[in-house]
Each structure stands twice: as structure tokens, then as C-alpha cells.
Amino acid sequence: MFRISGLEGEETRKKPAVMFINGLFGDSNFWFANELHLAPPFLLASRGYDVWLSNTRGSNFAQQHTRFSTDEIEFWQFDFIDSGVKELPQYIDFVLEQAGQD
């Protein structure tokens, strides 16, 4: 997960958190397909939001596992229901904890 919290040294705990989630077969790079000054994460960060970008399991930035490598079938034994039901709540809890919000 990546974070755009604003300018260096800026307080992040008082900013509302917003999370971008990549779609099927994508990663957080999707949100930067426009020119950077038009990219939604940068627009929201410049408007005072604490921006988080997730990368769902198997995407370019989420290829690590505690026990399995991407060469092992066990790494890929999940479905998108697992992502939504099991992983998304963990992403949300992590962002809220890090951002100091409820």
C-alpha cells in the first residue's frame, strides 16, 4: 500500500483519509494514467486529504507472501470474493489506524 500524505513535514493525523483500490488485473499505477496534475490521488492530496493506494493480491506491487512464492500454486489460490471479504476490511482498518481515525 502506498500513501500520499501531503507535503513533507505536514501533519497527517488531522486529514480525512481516502483510499483508492485498483481494479481487476491492475495496480495503483492505474490512478496515474493522466498527466500528474490531473491524477485523482494527487488532486485529493493537494486538497488536504490523506491518500492511500492499495494493491490487491497478485498485482505488480503485491507479489509477496509469508510462505509462498508466485511460482507456487498456493500463492494464487484465492478469488476476488476473498479480496473483498477478507482483505478489504484489513486495508480499511490499517488506513484508519495509521491515519488516527475511527
Protein backbone atom coordinates (compact mmCIF):
# COMPACT_ATOMS: atom_id res chain seq x y z
CA MET A 1 0.00 0.00 0.00
CA PHE A 2 1.24 3.47 -0.84
CA ARG A 3 0.47 6.74 0.92
CA ILE A 4 0.41 10.33 -0.28
CA SER A 5 0.07 12.32 2.90
CA GLY A 6 0.88 15.78 1.59
CA LEU A 7 3.96 17.91 1.83
CA GLU A 8 6.94 16.74 3.84
CA GLY A 9 6.55 17.63 7.50
CA GLU A 10 2.83 18.26 7.16
CA GLU A 11 0.56 16.83 9.90
CA THR A 12 -1.33 13.76 8.62
CA ARG A 13 -3.44 12.75 11.60
CA LYS A 14 -5.98 15.52 11.14
CA LYS A 15 -6.66 14.91 7.46
CA PRO A 16 -9.58 12.82 6.24
CA ALA A 17 -8.34 9.54 4.79
CA VAL A 18 -9.33 8.34 1.33
CA MET A 19 -8.35 5.01 -0.20
CA PHE A 20 -8.05 4.11 -3.88
CA ILE A 21 -8.47 0.45 -4.76
CA ASN A 22 -7.23 -0.97 -8.03
CA GLY A 23 -9.50 -2.91 -10.34
CA LEU A 24 -9.20 -6.36 -11.81
CA PHE A 25 -5.74 -7.04 -13.31
CA GLY A 26 -4.50 -3.60 -12.27
CA ASP A 27 -2.44 -1.92 -9.60
CA SER A 28 -2.16 1.52 -8.04
CA ASN A 29 -0.45 2.86 -11.19
CA PHE A 30 -3.91 2.96 -12.77
CA TRP A 31 -4.70 6.15 -10.86
CA PHE A 32 -1.79 7.98 -12.52
CA ALA A 33 -2.73 7.32 -16.16
CA ASN A 34 -3.49 11.03 -16.69
CA GLU A 35 -0.99 13.83 -16.50
CA LEU A 36 0.16 14.06 -12.90
CA HIS A 37 -1.66 17.32 -12.22
CA LEU A 38 -4.90 15.52 -13.24
CA ALA A 39 -4.29 12.30 -11.28
CA PRO A 40 -7.04 11.86 -8.68
CA PRO A 41 -4.66 10.86 -5.84
CA PHE A 42 -2.56 13.99 -6.29
CA LEU A 43 -5.63 16.20 -6.67
CA LEU A 44 -7.06 14.93 -3.37
CA ALA A 45 -3.71 15.15 -1.58
CA SER A 46 -3.35 18.76 -2.71
CA ARG A 47 -6.82 19.46 -1.31
CA GLY A 48 -5.91 18.21 2.16
CA TYR A 49 -6.70 14.50 2.08
CA ASP A 50 -4.52 11.69 3.39
CA VAL A 51 -4.46 9.46 0.29
CA TRP A 52 -3.87 5.71 0.35
CA LEU A 53 -3.44 3.45 -2.69
CA SER A 54 -4.00 -0.27 -2.27
CA ASN A 55 -2.63 -3.05 -4.40
CA THR A 56 -4.69 -6.22 -4.30
CA ARG A 57 -3.06 -9.59 -4.03
CA GLY A 58 -1.29 -10.69 -7.19
CA SER A 59 -0.90 -7.19 -8.64
CA ASN A 60 2.55 -5.85 -9.58
CA PHE A 61 3.11 -4.38 -6.10
CA ALA A 62 1.64 -7.30 -4.14
CA GLN A 63 3.72 -10.31 -5.07
CA GLN A 64 5.00 -11.30 -1.63
CA HIS A 65 3.60 -13.88 0.75
CA THR A 66 4.79 -15.09 4.14
CA ARG A 67 5.08 -18.71 2.92
CA PHE A 68 4.59 -18.97 -0.84
CA SER A 69 6.35 -17.57 -3.89
CA THR A 70 4.48 -16.51 -7.02
CA ASP A 71 5.82 -19.70 -8.65
CA GLU A 72 3.75 -21.85 -6.28
CA ILE A 73 0.10 -22.65 -6.98
CA GLU A 74 -0.79 -21.93 -3.35
CA PHE A 75 0.04 -18.26 -3.84
CA TRP A 76 -2.71 -17.97 -6.45
CA GLN A 77 -5.38 -19.93 -4.58
CA PHE A 78 -7.72 -17.05 -3.80
CA ASP A 79 -10.63 -15.39 -5.52
CA PHE A 80 -11.99 -11.89 -5.69
CA ILE A 81 -14.58 -12.64 -3.04
CA ASP A 82 -11.65 -13.33 -0.69
CA SER A 83 -10.20 -9.96 -1.66
CA GLY A 84 -13.42 -8.12 -0.88
CA VAL A 85 -14.50 -10.03 2.21
CA LYS A 86 -11.15 -10.73 3.89
CA GLU A 87 -8.56 -8.27 2.60
CA LEU A 88 -10.54 -5.06 2.04
CA PRO A 89 -11.61 -4.81 5.72
CA GLN A 90 -7.95 -5.25 6.71
CA TYR A 91 -6.93 -2.44 4.33
CA ILE A 92 -9.57 -0.16 5.81
CA ASP A 93 -8.57 -0.98 9.39
CA PHE A 94 -4.90 -0.36 8.57
CA VAL A 95 -5.58 3.02 6.94
CA LEU A 96 -7.80 4.16 9.79
CA GLU A 97 -5.23 3.09 12.38
CA GLN A 98 -2.33 4.77 10.58
CA ALA A 99 -4.38 7.92 9.96
CA GLY A 100 -5.51 8.01 13.60
CA GLN A 101 -9.19 7.84 12.66
CA ASP A 102 -12.16 5.68 13.60
